[in-house]
Structures are given as structure tokens and as C-alpha cells.
Amino acid sequence: MRRTQEDVTALVMAAQYGNSDAVRVLIERGADVETRSEEGKTPVMWAAASESLDVLIQLLQHGADADATDKEGQTAEMQCEHPGCLDALRNAERMQRWHRRRPLLVWRR
């Protein structure tokens, strides 16, 4: 993934500005949900800080680490004030398990 002069990927910028359509397209095209900005912040951290619940949920559904820390030891939860974002971060593991499930088909004769 290409980076800007400030060492920021498109996914980090889309998450920072809460652009859920851009985040969706970038993830569909293989963007790394764990990429980091120069400060060590992940897209999840930027989405939480910008209180963009839609973007945050998309990232978490695609396996982004809700507990990652930046260079200062801050987590997404520490940077978030929006109640919906806090709830999503606290339930990330359960949400990710749900999306990894595969349907079991049973054939009967």
C-alpha cells in the first residue's frame, strides 16, 4: 500500500476522516487493517478518536485489533468518548467470532 509524504496510508486517512465507503473499498482491495501511522496509530484508533462508529465496526469485523497500542501506549478505547464506539471496542472479540463463523450444513436422506 502506498503512503503519503507523512507516512500515512489511504486506510488510515479514510478511518481518520470517518469515510466508511472508502474504508469498505480499501478493505475489499486488500488494505491491511493493522497498518500504522507515524505515531503508531492503527485505523481502529483513528476511527475511535474521530467517533466514527460505522468505520470502527467495519474494521473490527475484518479482524482489526481493538487492543493495539500506539507508540505512547494508548489504546483505541483510551482515545474514544463516543458510547457506541466504546461498546464496539469492548465487544470486539465477540463481534469478530460471530463474523468468522461458518454455517454448518447437514444433509438428511
PDB file of N, CA and C in Angstrom:
ATOM      1  N   MET A   1       0.844  -1.168   0.000  1.00  0.00           N
ATOM      2  CA  MET A   1       0.000   0.000   0.000  1.00  0.00           C
ATOM      3  C   MET A   1       0.893   1.236   0.000  1.00  0.00           C
ATOM      4  N   ARG A   2       0.586   2.173  -0.864  1.00  0.00           N
ATOM      5  CA  ARG A   2       1.379   3.395  -0.949  1.00  0.00           C
ATOM      6  C   ARG A   2       1.097   4.302   0.238  1.00  0.00           C
ATOM      7  N   ARG A   3       2.103   5.077   0.595  1.00  0.00           N
ATOM      8  CA  ARG A   3       1.987   6.012   1.713  1.00  0.00           C
ATOM      9  C   ARG A   3       2.225   7.435   1.217  1.00  0.00           C
ATOM     10  N   THR A   4       1.677   8.406   1.941  1.00  0.00           N
ATOM     11  CA  THR A   4       1.896   9.809   1.610  1.00  0.00           C
ATOM     12  C   THR A   4       3.251  10.239   2.147  1.00  0.00           C
ATOM     13  N   GLN A   5       3.606  11.487   1.910  1.00  0.00           N
ATOM     14  CA  GLN A   5       4.871  12.014   2.422  1.00  0.00           C
ATOM     15  C   GLN A   5       4.918  11.958   3.947  1.00  0.00           C
ATOM     16  N   GLU A   6       3.757  12.043   4.587  1.00  0.00           N
ATOM     17  CA  GLU A   6       3.697  11.989   6.049  1.00  0.00           C
ATOM     18  C   GLU A   6       3.638  10.549   6.546  1.00  0.00           C
ATOM     19  N   ASP A   7       3.859   9.577   5.662  1.00  0.00           N
ATOM     20  CA  ASP A   7       3.877   8.165   6.013  1.00  0.00           C
ATOM     21  C   ASP A   7       2.506   7.677   6.482  1.00  0.00           C
ATOM     22  N   VAL A   8       1.463   8.074   5.764  1.00  0.00           N
ATOM     23  CA  VAL A   8       0.099   7.687   6.106  1.00  0.00           C
ATOM     24  C   VAL A   8      -0.514   6.939   4.927  1.00  0.00           C
ATOM     25  N   THR A   9      -1.164   5.800   5.202  1.00  0.00           N
ATOM     26  CA  THR A   9      -1.830   5.056   4.134  1.00  0.00           C
ATOM     27  C   THR A   9      -3.230   5.614   3.909  1.00  0.00           C
ATOM     28  N   ALA A  10      -3.817   5.237   2.784  1.00  0.00           N
ATOM     29  CA  ALA A  10      -5.178   5.671   2.464  1.00  0.00           C
ATOM     30  C   ALA A  10      -6.171   5.165   3.507  1.00  0.00           C
ATOM     31  N   LEU A  11      -5.965   3.948   4.011  1.00  0.00           N
ATOM     32  CA  LEU A  11      -6.887   3.409   5.011  1.00  0.00           C
ATOM     33  C   LEU A  11      -6.828   4.213   6.309  1.00  0.00           C
ATOM     34  N   VAL A  12      -5.641   4.608   6.721  1.00  0.00           N
ATOM     35  CA  VAL A  12      -5.512   5.435   7.928  1.00  0.00           C
ATOM     36  C   VAL A  12      -6.253   6.753   7.723  1.00  0.00           C
ATOM     37  N   MET A  13      -6.083   7.381   6.567  1.00  0.00           N
ATOM     38  CA  MET A  13      -6.751   8.659   6.299  1.00  0.00           C
ATOM     39  C   MET A  13      -8.264   8.496   6.245  1.00  0.00           C
ATOM     40  N   ALA A  14      -8.735   7.436   5.586  1.00  0.00           N
ATOM     41  CA  ALA A  14     -10.179   7.202   5.499  1.00  0.00           C
ATOM     42  C   ALA A  14     -10.774   6.976   6.886  1.00  0.00           C
ATOM     43  N   ALA A  15     -10.072   6.234   7.726  1.00  0.00           N
ATOM     44  CA  ALA A  15     -10.548   5.993   9.094  1.00  0.00           C
ATOM     45  C   ALA A  15     -10.534   7.282   9.904  1.00  0.00           C
ATOM     46  N   GLN A  16      -9.484   8.066   9.736  1.00  0.00           N
ATOM     47  CA  GLN A  16      -9.345   9.324  10.472  1.00  0.00           C
ATOM     48  C   GLN A  16     -10.490  10.280  10.154  1.00  0.00           C
ATOM     49  N   TYR A  17     -10.924  10.302   8.892  1.00  0.00           N
ATOM     50  CA  TYR A  17     -11.981  11.219   8.481  1.00  0.00           C
ATOM     51  C   TYR A  17     -13.358  10.569   8.457  1.00  0.00           C
ATOM     52  N   GLY A  18     -13.462   9.315   8.899  1.00  0.00           N
ATOM     53  CA  GLY A  18     -14.760   8.652   9.005  1.00  0.00           C
ATOM     54  C   GLY A  18     -15.424   8.331   7.687  1.00  0.00           C
ATOM     55  N   ASN A  19     -14.635   8.088   6.653  1.00  0.00           N
ATOM     56  CA  ASN A  19     -15.189   7.793   5.331  1.00  0.00           C
ATOM     57  C   ASN A  19     -15.422   6.288   5.190  1.00  0.00           C
ATOM     58  N   SER A  20     -16.631   5.847   5.551  1.00  0.00           N
ATOM     59  CA  SER A  20     -16.923   4.412   5.575  1.00  0.00           C
ATOM     60  C   SER A  20     -16.909   3.786   4.184  1.00  0.00           C
ATOM     61  N   ASP A  21     -17.313   4.529   3.149  1.00  0.00           N
ATOM     62  CA  ASP A  21     -17.279   3.981   1.785  1.00  0.00           C
ATOM     63  C   ASP A  21     -15.844   3.711   1.347  1.00  0.00           C
ATOM     64  N   ALA A  22     -14.958   4.646   1.617  1.00  0.00           N
ATOM     65  CA  ALA A  22     -13.551   4.462   1.252  1.00  0.00           C
ATOM     66  C   ALA A  22     -12.937   3.309   2.037  1.00  0.00           C
ATOM     67  N   VAL A  23     -13.272   3.202   3.312  1.00  0.00           N
ATOM     68  CA  VAL A  23     -12.754   2.102   4.136  1.00  0.00           C
ATOM     69  C   VAL A  23     -13.207   0.768   3.559  1.00  0.00           C
ATOM     70  N   ARG A  24     -14.481   0.670   3.197  1.00  0.00           N
ATOM     71  CA  ARG A  24     -15.012  -0.571   2.625  1.00  0.00           C
ATOM     72  C   ARG A  24     -14.266  -0.959   1.357  1.00  0.00           C
ATOM     73  N   VAL A  25     -14.088  -0.011   0.446  1.00  0.00           N
ATOM     74  CA  VAL A  25     -13.397  -0.284  -0.820  1.00  0.00           C
ATOM     75  C   VAL A  25     -11.946  -0.684  -0.571  1.00  0.00           C
ATOM     76  N   LEU A  26     -11.273   0.023   0.299  1.00  0.00           N
ATOM     77  CA  LEU A  26      -9.867  -0.284   0.581  1.00  0.00           C
ATOM     78  C   LEU A  26      -9.706  -1.674   1.191  1.00  0.00           C
ATOM     79  N   ILE A  27     -10.594  -2.036   2.096  1.00  0.00           N
ATOM     80  CA  ILE A  27     -10.529  -3.376   2.693  1.00  0.00           C
ATOM     81  C   ILE A  27     -10.817  -4.438   1.638  1.00  0.00           C
ATOM     82  N   GLU A  28     -11.821  -4.193   0.789  1.00  0.00           N
ATOM     83  CA  GLU A  28     -12.139  -5.139  -0.289  1.00  0.00           C
ATOM     84  C   GLU A  28     -10.950  -5.348  -1.218  1.00  0.00           C
ATOM     85  N   ARG A  29     -10.136  -4.320  -1.369  1.00  0.00           N
ATOM     86  CA  ARG A  29      -8.971  -4.404  -2.268  1.00  0.00           C
ATOM     87  C   ARG A  29      -7.699  -4.830  -1.547  1.00  0.00           C
ATOM     88  N   GLY A  30      -7.844  -5.282  -0.309  1.00  0.00           N
ATOM     89  CA  GLY A  30      -6.711  -5.877   0.384  1.00  0.00           C
ATOM     90  C   GLY A  30      -5.909  -4.985   1.306  1.00  0.00           C
ATOM     91  N   ALA A  31      -6.446  -3.831   1.677  1.00  0.00           N
ATOM     92  CA  ALA A  31      -5.711  -2.955   2.598  1.00  0.00           C
ATOM     93  C   ALA A  31      -5.512  -3.657   3.942  1.00  0.00           C
ATOM     94  N   ASP A  32      -4.367  -3.439   4.540  1.00  0.00           N
ATOM     95  CA  ASP A  32      -4.021  -4.037   5.827  1.00  0.00           C
ATOM     96  C   ASP A  32      -4.704  -3.259   6.949  1.00  0.00           C
ATOM     97  N   VAL A  33      -5.638  -3.901   7.666  1.00  0.00           N
ATOM     98  CA  VAL A  33      -6.366  -3.213   8.737  1.00  0.00           C
ATOM     99  C   VAL A  33      -5.485  -2.931   9.948  1.00  0.00           C
ATOM    100  N   GLU A  34      -4.276  -3.472   9.953  1.00  0.00           N
ATOM    101  CA  GLU A  34      -3.345  -3.240  11.060  1.00  0.00           C
ATOM    102  C   GLU A  34      -2.224  -2.264  10.692  1.00  0.00           C
ATOM    103  N   THR A  35      -2.327  -1.601   9.545  1.00  0.00           N
ATOM    104  CA  THR A  35      -1.311  -0.626   9.156  1.00  0.00           C
ATOM    105  C   THR A  35      -1.242   0.474  10.214  1.00  0.00           C
ATOM    106  N   ARG A  36      -0.116   1.135  10.309  1.00  0.00           N
ATOM    107  CA  ARG A  36       0.064   2.157  11.346  1.00  0.00           C
ATOM    108  C   ARG A  36       0.560   3.472  10.755  1.00  0.00           C
ATOM    109  N   SER A  37       0.145   4.556  11.397  1.00  0.00           N
ATOM    110  CA  SER A  37       0.645   5.877  11.033  1.00  0.00           C
ATOM    111  C   SER A  37       2.004   6.069  11.690  1.00  0.00           C
ATOM    112  N   GLU A  38       2.613   7.212  11.434  1.00  0.00           N
ATOM    113  CA  GLU A  38       3.927   7.507  12.006  1.00  0.00           C
ATOM    114  C   GLU A  38       3.908   7.469  13.540  1.00  0.00           C
ATOM    115  N   GLU A  39       2.764   7.832  14.134  1.00  0.00           N
ATOM    116  CA  GLU A  39       2.630   7.821  15.595  1.00  0.00           C
ATOM    117  C   GLU A  39       2.373   6.423  16.137  1.00  0.00           C
ATOM    118  N   GLY A  40       2.218   5.452  15.236  1.00  0.00           N
ATOM    119  CA  GLY A  40       1.932   4.084  15.653  1.00  0.00           C
ATOM    120  C   GLY A  40       0.452   3.796  15.811  1.00  0.00           C
ATOM    121  N   LYS A  41      -0.388   4.721  15.358  1.00  0.00           N
ATOM    122  CA  LYS A  41      -1.837   4.544  15.486  1.00  0.00           C
ATOM    123  C   LYS A  41      -2.375   3.685  14.338  1.00  0.00           C
ATOM    124  N   THR A  42      -3.287   2.779  14.681  1.00  0.00           N
ATOM    125  CA  THR A  42      -3.935   1.929  13.686  1.00  0.00           C
ATOM    126  C   THR A  42      -5.208   2.611  13.192  1.00  0.00           C
ATOM    127  N   PRO A  43      -5.791   2.137  12.086  1.00  0.00           N
ATOM    128  CA  PRO A  43      -7.068   2.691  11.635  1.00  0.00           C
ATOM    129  C   PRO A  43      -8.158   2.619  12.715  1.00  0.00           C
ATOM    130  N   VAL A  44      -8.146   1.559  13.535  1.00  0.00           N
ATOM    131  CA  VAL A  44      -9.128   1.453  14.627  1.00  0.00           C
ATOM    132  C   VAL A  44      -8.971   2.626  15.587  1.00  0.00           C
ATOM    133  N   MET A  45      -7.748   2.987  15.904  1.00  0.00           N
ATOM    134  CA  MET A  45      -7.511   4.106  16.820  1.00  0.00           C
ATOM    135  C   MET A  45      -8.018   5.413  16.226  1.00  0.00           C
ATOM    136  N   TRP A  46      -7.751   5.618  14.937  1.00  0.00           N
ATOM    137  CA  TRP A  46      -8.210   6.842  14.284  1.00  0.00           C
ATOM    138  C   TRP A  46      -9.734   6.887  14.224  1.00  0.00           C
ATOM    139  N   ALA A  47     -10.368   5.757  13.905  1.00  0.00           N
ATOM    140  CA  ALA A  47     -11.834   5.717  13.846  1.00  0.00           C
ATOM    141  C   ALA A  47     -12.438   5.993  15.222  1.00  0.00           C
ATOM    142  N   ALA A  48     -11.850   5.423  16.264  1.00  0.00           N
ATOM    143  CA  ALA A  48     -12.349   5.648  17.627  1.00  0.00           C
ATOM    144  C   ALA A  48     -12.180   7.108  18.032  1.00  0.00           C
ATOM    145  N   ALA A  49     -11.028   7.682  17.730  1.00  0.00           N
ATOM    146  CA  ALA A  49     -10.765   9.077  18.094  1.00  0.00           C
ATOM    147  C   ALA A  49     -11.694  10.035  17.355  1.00  0.00           C
ATOM    148  N   SER A  50     -12.055   9.690  16.115  1.00  0.00           N
ATOM    149  CA  SER A  50     -12.949  10.551  15.338  1.00  0.00           C
ATOM    150  C   SER A  50     -14.417  10.196  15.570  1.00  0.00           C
ATOM    151  N   GLU A  51     -14.663   9.226  16.457  1.00  0.00           N
ATOM    152  CA  GLU A  51     -16.011   8.796  16.825  1.00  0.00           C
ATOM    153  C   GLU A  51     -16.822   8.333  15.622  1.00  0.00           C
ATOM    154  N   SER A  52     -16.169   7.639  14.712  1.00  0.00           N
ATOM    155  CA  SER A  52     -16.821   7.119  13.516  1.00  0.00           C
ATOM    156  C   SER A  52     -17.190   5.653  13.742  1.00  0.00           C
ATOM    157  N   LEU A  53     -18.383   5.437  14.259  1.00  0.00           N
ATOM    158  CA  LEU A  53     -18.836   4.101  14.630  1.00  0.00           C
ATOM    159  C   LEU A  53     -18.896   3.158  13.431  1.00  0.00           C
ATOM    160  N   ASP A  54     -19.414   3.624  12.289  1.00  0.00           N
ATOM    161  CA  ASP A  54     -19.506   2.765  11.097  1.00  0.00           C
ATOM    162  C   ASP A  54     -18.137   2.249  10.672  1.00  0.00           C
ATOM    163  N   VAL A  55     -17.169   3.138  10.626  1.00  0.00           N
ATOM    164  CA  VAL A  55     -15.811   2.758  10.228  1.00  0.00           C
ATOM    165  C   VAL A  55     -15.214   1.808  11.255  1.00  0.00           C
ATOM    166  N   LEU A  56     -15.388   2.111  12.509  1.00  0.00           N
ATOM    167  CA  LEU A  56     -14.850   1.272  13.577  1.00  0.00           C
ATOM    168  C   LEU A  56     -15.397  -0.150  13.479  1.00  0.00           C
ATOM    169  N   ILE A  57     -16.690  -0.281  13.297  1.00  0.00           N
ATOM    170  CA  ILE A  57     -17.300  -1.609  13.190  1.00  0.00           C
ATOM    171  C   ILE A  57     -16.782  -2.354  11.970  1.00  0.00           C
ATOM    172  N   GLN A  58     -16.664  -1.666  10.831  1.00  0.00           N
ATOM    173  CA  GLN A  58     -16.115  -2.318   9.627  1.00  0.00           C
ATOM    174  C   GLN A  58     -14.725  -2.885   9.891  1.00  0.00           C
ATOM    175  N   LEU A  59     -13.889  -2.083  10.515  1.00  0.00           N
ATOM    176  CA  LEU A  59     -12.517  -2.517  10.791  1.00  0.00           C
ATOM    177  C   LEU A  59     -12.490  -3.707  11.744  1.00  0.00           C
ATOM    178  N   LEU A  60     -13.299  -3.650  12.778  1.00  0.00           N
ATOM    179  CA  LEU A  60     -13.340  -4.745  13.750  1.00  0.00           C
ATOM    180  C   LEU A  60     -13.883  -6.023  13.116  1.00  0.00           C
ATOM    181  N   GLN A  61     -14.877  -5.879  12.242  1.00  0.00           N
ATOM    182  CA  GLN A  61     -15.434  -7.047  11.558  1.00  0.00           C
ATOM    183  C   GLN A  61     -14.409  -7.714  10.647  1.00  0.00           C
ATOM    184  N   HIS A  62     -13.423  -6.966  10.229  1.00  0.00           N
ATOM    185  CA  HIS A  62     -12.381  -7.516   9.355  1.00  0.00           C
ATOM    186  C   HIS A  62     -11.120  -7.881  10.137  1.00  0.00           C
ATOM    187  N   GLY A  63     -11.268  -8.035  11.451  1.00  0.00           N
ATOM    188  CA  GLY A  63     -10.188  -8.585  12.255  1.00  0.00           C
ATOM    189  C   GLY A  63      -9.198  -7.608  12.846  1.00  0.00           C
ATOM    190  N   ALA A  64      -9.481  -6.309  12.774  1.00  0.00           N
ATOM    191  CA  ALA A  64      -8.557  -5.332  13.351  1.00  0.00           C
ATOM    192  C   ALA A  64      -8.468  -5.519  14.865  1.00  0.00           C
ATOM    193  N   ASP A  65      -7.285  -5.303  15.405  1.00  0.00           N
ATOM    194  CA  ASP A  65      -7.020  -5.495  16.833  1.00  0.00           C
ATOM    195  C   ASP A  65      -7.524  -4.300  17.637  1.00  0.00           C
ATOM    196  N   ALA A  66      -8.532  -4.524  18.465  1.00  0.00           N
ATOM    197  CA  ALA A  66      -9.103  -3.455  19.287  1.00  0.00           C
ATOM    198  C   ALA A  66      -8.192  -3.081  20.449  1.00  0.00           C
ATOM    199  N   ASP A  67      -7.246  -3.936  20.784  1.00  0.00           N
ATOM    200  CA  ASP A  67      -6.382  -3.707  21.942  1.00  0.00           C
ATOM    201  C   ASP A  67      -4.969  -3.244  21.586  1.00  0.00           C
ATOM    202  N   ALA A  68      -4.721  -2.952  20.325  1.00  0.00           N
ATOM    203  CA  ALA A  68      -3.390  -2.498  19.908  1.00  0.00           C
ATOM    204  C   ALA A  68      -3.047  -1.185  20.607  1.00  0.00           C
ATOM    205  N   THR A  69      -1.749  -0.948  20.799  1.00  0.00           N
ATOM    206  CA  THR A  69      -1.300   0.299  21.421  1.00  0.00           C
ATOM    207  C   THR A  69      -0.411   1.076  20.451  1.00  0.00           C
ATOM    208  N   ASP A  70      -0.444   2.399  20.585  1.00  0.00           N
ATOM    209  CA  ASP A  70       0.420   3.236  19.756  1.00  0.00           C
ATOM    210  C   ASP A  70       1.770   3.408  20.449  1.00  0.00           C
ATOM    211  N   LYS A  71       2.609   4.292  19.918  1.00  0.00           N
ATOM    212  CA  LYS A  71       3.953   4.485  20.470  1.00  0.00           C
ATOM    213  C   LYS A  71       3.946   5.041  21.892  1.00  0.00           C
ATOM    214  N   GLU A  72       2.835   5.656  22.292  1.00  0.00           N
ATOM    215  CA  GLU A  72       2.726   6.212  23.645  1.00  0.00           C
ATOM    216  C   GLU A  72       1.992   5.270  24.594  1.00  0.00           C
ATOM    217  N   GLY A  73       1.646   4.080  24.109  1.00  0.00           N
ATOM    218  CA  GLY A  73       0.950   3.107  24.944  1.00  0.00           C
ATOM    219  C   GLY A  73      -0.553   3.302  25.029  1.00  0.00           C
ATOM    220  N   GLN A  74      -1.092   4.171  24.186  1.00  0.00           N
ATOM    221  CA  GLN A  74      -2.524   4.444  24.182  1.00  0.00           C
ATOM    222  C   GLN A  74      -3.266   3.408  23.335  1.00  0.00           C
ATOM    223  N   THR A  75      -4.461   3.018  23.781  1.00  0.00           N
ATOM    224  CA  THR A  75      -5.317   2.117  23.010  1.00  0.00           C
ATOM    225  C   THR A  75      -6.452   2.926  22.385  1.00  0.00           C
ATOM    226  N   ALA A  76      -7.198   2.296  21.498  1.00  0.00           N
ATOM    227  CA  ALA A  76      -8.351   2.958  20.885  1.00  0.00           C
ATOM    228  C   ALA A  76      -9.372   3.346  21.948  1.00  0.00           C
ATOM    229  N   GLU A  77      -9.572   2.476  22.921  1.00  0.00           N
ATOM    230  CA  GLU A  77     -10.548   2.758  23.980  1.00  0.00           C
ATOM    231  C   GLU A  77     -10.165   4.008  24.772  1.00  0.00           C
ATOM    232  N   MET A  78      -8.888   4.227  24.978  1.00  0.00           N
ATOM    233  CA  MET A  78      -8.423   5.405  25.716  1.00  0.00           C
ATOM    234  C   MET A  78      -8.653   6.690  24.928  1.00  0.00           C
ATOM    235  N   GLN A  79      -8.751   6.583  23.609  1.00  0.00           N
ATOM    236  CA  GLN A  79      -8.888   7.758  22.753  1.00  0.00           C
ATOM    237  C   GLN A  79     -10.336   8.030  22.359  1.00  0.00           C
ATOM    238  N   CYS A  80     -11.260   7.227  22.856  1.00  0.00           N
ATOM    239  CA  CYS A  80     -12.651   7.288  22.418  1.00  0.00           C
ATOM    240  C   CYS A  80     -13.562   7.789  23.527  1.00  0.00           C
ATOM    241  N   GLU A  81     -14.522   8.635  23.160  1.00  0.00           N
ATOM    242  CA  GLU A  81     -15.508   9.114  24.125  1.00  0.00           C
ATOM    243  C   GLU A  81     -16.930   8.736  23.729  1.00  0.00           C
ATOM    244  N   HIS A  82     -17.147   8.378  22.481  1.00  0.00           N
ATOM    245  CA  HIS A  82     -18.478   8.042  21.972  1.00  0.00           C
ATOM    246  C   HIS A  82     -18.952   6.723  22.590  1.00  0.00           C
ATOM    247  N   PRO A  83     -20.125   6.711  23.237  1.00  0.00           N
ATOM    248  CA  PRO A  83     -20.598   5.483  23.887  1.00  0.00           C
ATOM    249  C   PRO A  83     -20.716   4.288  22.931  1.00  0.00           C
ATOM    250  N   GLY A  84     -21.167   4.519  21.710  1.00  0.00           N
ATOM    251  CA  GLY A  84     -21.290   3.428  20.740  1.00  0.00           C
ATOM    252  C   GLY A  84     -19.939   2.854  20.358  1.00  0.00           C
ATOM    253  N   CYS A  85     -18.950   3.722  20.207  1.00  0.00           N
ATOM    254  CA  CYS A  85     -17.593   3.264  19.878  1.00  0.00           C
ATOM    255  C   CYS A  85     -16.997   2.481  21.042  1.00  0.00           C
ATOM    256  N   LEU A  86     -17.196   2.972  22.247  1.00  0.00           N
ATOM    257  CA  LEU A  86     -16.687   2.260  23.421  1.00  0.00           C
ATOM    258  C   LEU A  86     -17.306   0.872  23.516  1.00  0.00           C
ATOM    259  N   ASP A  87     -18.604   0.784  23.270  1.00  0.00           N
ATOM    260  CA  ASP A  87     -19.293  -0.502  23.314  1.00  0.00           C
ATOM    261  C   ASP A  87     -18.745  -1.446  22.247  1.00  0.00           C
ATOM    262  N   ALA A  88     -18.530  -0.931  21.037  1.00  0.00           N
ATOM    263  CA  ALA A  88     -17.986  -1.761  19.952  1.00  0.00           C
ATOM    264  C   ALA A  88     -16.594  -2.272  20.303  1.00  0.00           C
ATOM    265  N   LEU A  89     -15.764  -1.416  20.864  1.00  0.00           N
ATOM    266  CA  LEU A  89     -14.409  -1.832  21.237  1.00  0.00           C
ATOM    267  C   LEU A  89     -14.429  -2.890  22.335  1.00  0.00           C
ATOM    268  N   ARG A  90     -15.314  -2.710  23.287  1.00  0.00           N
ATOM    269  CA  ARG A  90     -15.391  -3.664  24.402  1.00  0.00           C
ATOM    270  C   ARG A  90     -15.966  -5.012  23.976  1.00  0.00           C
ATOM    271  N   ASN A  91     -16.727  -5.026  22.882  1.00  0.00           N
ATOM    272  CA  ASN A  91     -17.332  -6.268  22.386  1.00  0.00           C
ATOM    273  C   ASN A  91     -16.671  -6.765  21.109  1.00  0.00           C
ATOM    274  N   ALA A  92     -15.491  -6.267  20.808  1.00  0.00           N
ATOM    275  CA  ALA A  92     -14.821  -6.602  19.544  1.00  0.00           C
ATOM    276  C   ALA A  92     -14.575  -8.095  19.390  1.00  0.00           C
ATOM    277  N   GLU A  93     -14.114  -8.739  20.431  1.00  0.00           N
ATOM    278  CA  GLU A  93     -13.797 -10.167  20.319  1.00  0.00           C
ATOM    279  C   GLU A  93     -15.046 -10.976  19.982  1.00  0.00           C
ATOM    280  N   ARG A  94     -16.138 -10.681  20.644  1.00  0.00           N
ATOM    281  CA  ARG A  94     -17.391 -11.391  20.364  1.00  0.00           C
ATOM    282  C   ARG A  94     -17.862 -11.106  18.937  1.00  0.00           C
ATOM    283  N   MET A  95     -17.756  -9.854  18.493  1.00  0.00           N
ATOM    284  CA  MET A  95     -18.150  -9.489  17.137  1.00  0.00           C
ATOM    285  C   MET A  95     -17.298 -10.231  16.110  1.00  0.00           C
ATOM    286  N   GLN A  96     -16.004 -10.317  16.346  1.00  0.00           N
ATOM    287  CA  GLN A  96     -15.107 -10.976  15.401  1.00  0.00           C
ATOM    288  C   GLN A  96     -15.359 -12.477  15.357  1.00  0.00           C
ATOM    289  N   ARG A  97     -15.671 -13.078  16.487  1.00  0.00           N
ATOM    290  CA  ARG A  97     -16.008 -14.513  16.488  1.00  0.00           C
ATOM    291  C   ARG A  97     -17.257 -14.755  15.667  1.00  0.00           C
ATOM    292  N   TRP A  98     -18.250 -13.910  15.786  1.00  0.00           N
ATOM    293  CA  TRP A  98     -19.501 -14.048  15.050  1.00  0.00           C
ATOM    294  C   TRP A  98     -19.244 -14.007  13.544  1.00  0.00           C
ATOM    295  N   HIS A  99     -18.405 -13.112  13.101  1.00  0.00           N
ATOM    296  CA  HIS A  99     -18.150 -12.961  11.669  1.00  0.00           C
ATOM    297  C   HIS A  99     -17.236 -14.037  11.108  1.00  0.00           C
ATOM    298  N   ARG A 100     -16.531 -14.766  11.956  1.00  0.00           N
ATOM    299  CA  ARG A 100     -15.690 -15.868  11.483  1.00  0.00           C
ATOM    300  C   ARG A 100     -16.466 -17.171  11.383  1.00  0.00           C
ATOM    301  N   ARG A 101     -17.672 -17.207  11.925  1.00  0.00           N
ATOM    302  CA  ARG A 101     -18.455 -18.441  11.911  1.00  0.00           C
ATOM    303  C   ARG A 101     -18.744 -18.878  10.487  1.00  0.00           C
ATOM    304  N   ARG A 102     -18.785 -20.152  10.313  1.00  0.00           N
ATOM    305  CA  ARG A 102     -19.152 -20.734   9.025  1.00  0.00           C
ATOM    306  C   ARG A 102     -20.421 -21.549   9.238  1.00  0.00           C
ATOM    307  N   PRO A 103     -21.374 -21.426   8.338  1.00  0.00           N
ATOM    308  CA  PRO A 103     -22.598 -22.211   8.510  1.00  0.00           C
ATOM    309  C   PRO A 103     -22.317 -23.701   8.330  1.00  0.00           C
ATOM    310  N   LEU A 104     -22.944 -24.488   9.137  1.00  0.00           N
ATOM    311  CA  LEU A 104     -22.816 -25.931   9.054  1.00  0.00           C
ATOM    312  C   LEU A 104     -24.064 -26.467   8.368  1.00  0.00           C
ATOM    313  N   LEU A 105     -23.855 -27.148   7.277  1.00  0.00           N
ATOM    314  CA  LEU A 105     -24.978 -27.718   6.541  1.00  0.00           C
ATOM    315  C   LEU A 105     -25.049 -29.205   6.826  1.00  0.00           C
ATOM    316  N   VAL A 106     -26.225 -29.665   7.147  1.00  0.00           N
ATOM    317  CA  VAL A 106     -26.428 -31.080   7.424  1.00  0.00           C
ATOM    318  C   VAL A 106     -27.418 -31.613   6.399  1.00  0.00           C
ATOM    319  N   TRP A 107     -27.014 -32.643   5.707  1.00  0.00           N
ATOM    320  CA  TRP A 107     -27.874 -33.255   4.699  1.00  0.00           C
ATOM    321  C   TRP A 107     -28.541 -34.484   5.293  1.00  0.00           C
ATOM    322  N   ARG A 108     -29.819 -34.560   5.119  1.00  0.00           N
ATOM    323  CA  ARG A 108     -30.566 -35.730   5.584  1.00  0.00           C
ATOM    324  C   ARG A 108     -31.169 -36.435   4.387  1.00  0.00           C
ATOM    325  N   ARG A 109     -31.244 -37.732   4.530  1.00  0.00           N
ATOM    326  CA  ARG A 109     -31.898 -38.515   3.469  1.00  0.00           C
ATOM    327  C   ARG A 109     -33.273 -38.912   3.894  1.00  0.00           C
TER     328      ARG A 109
END
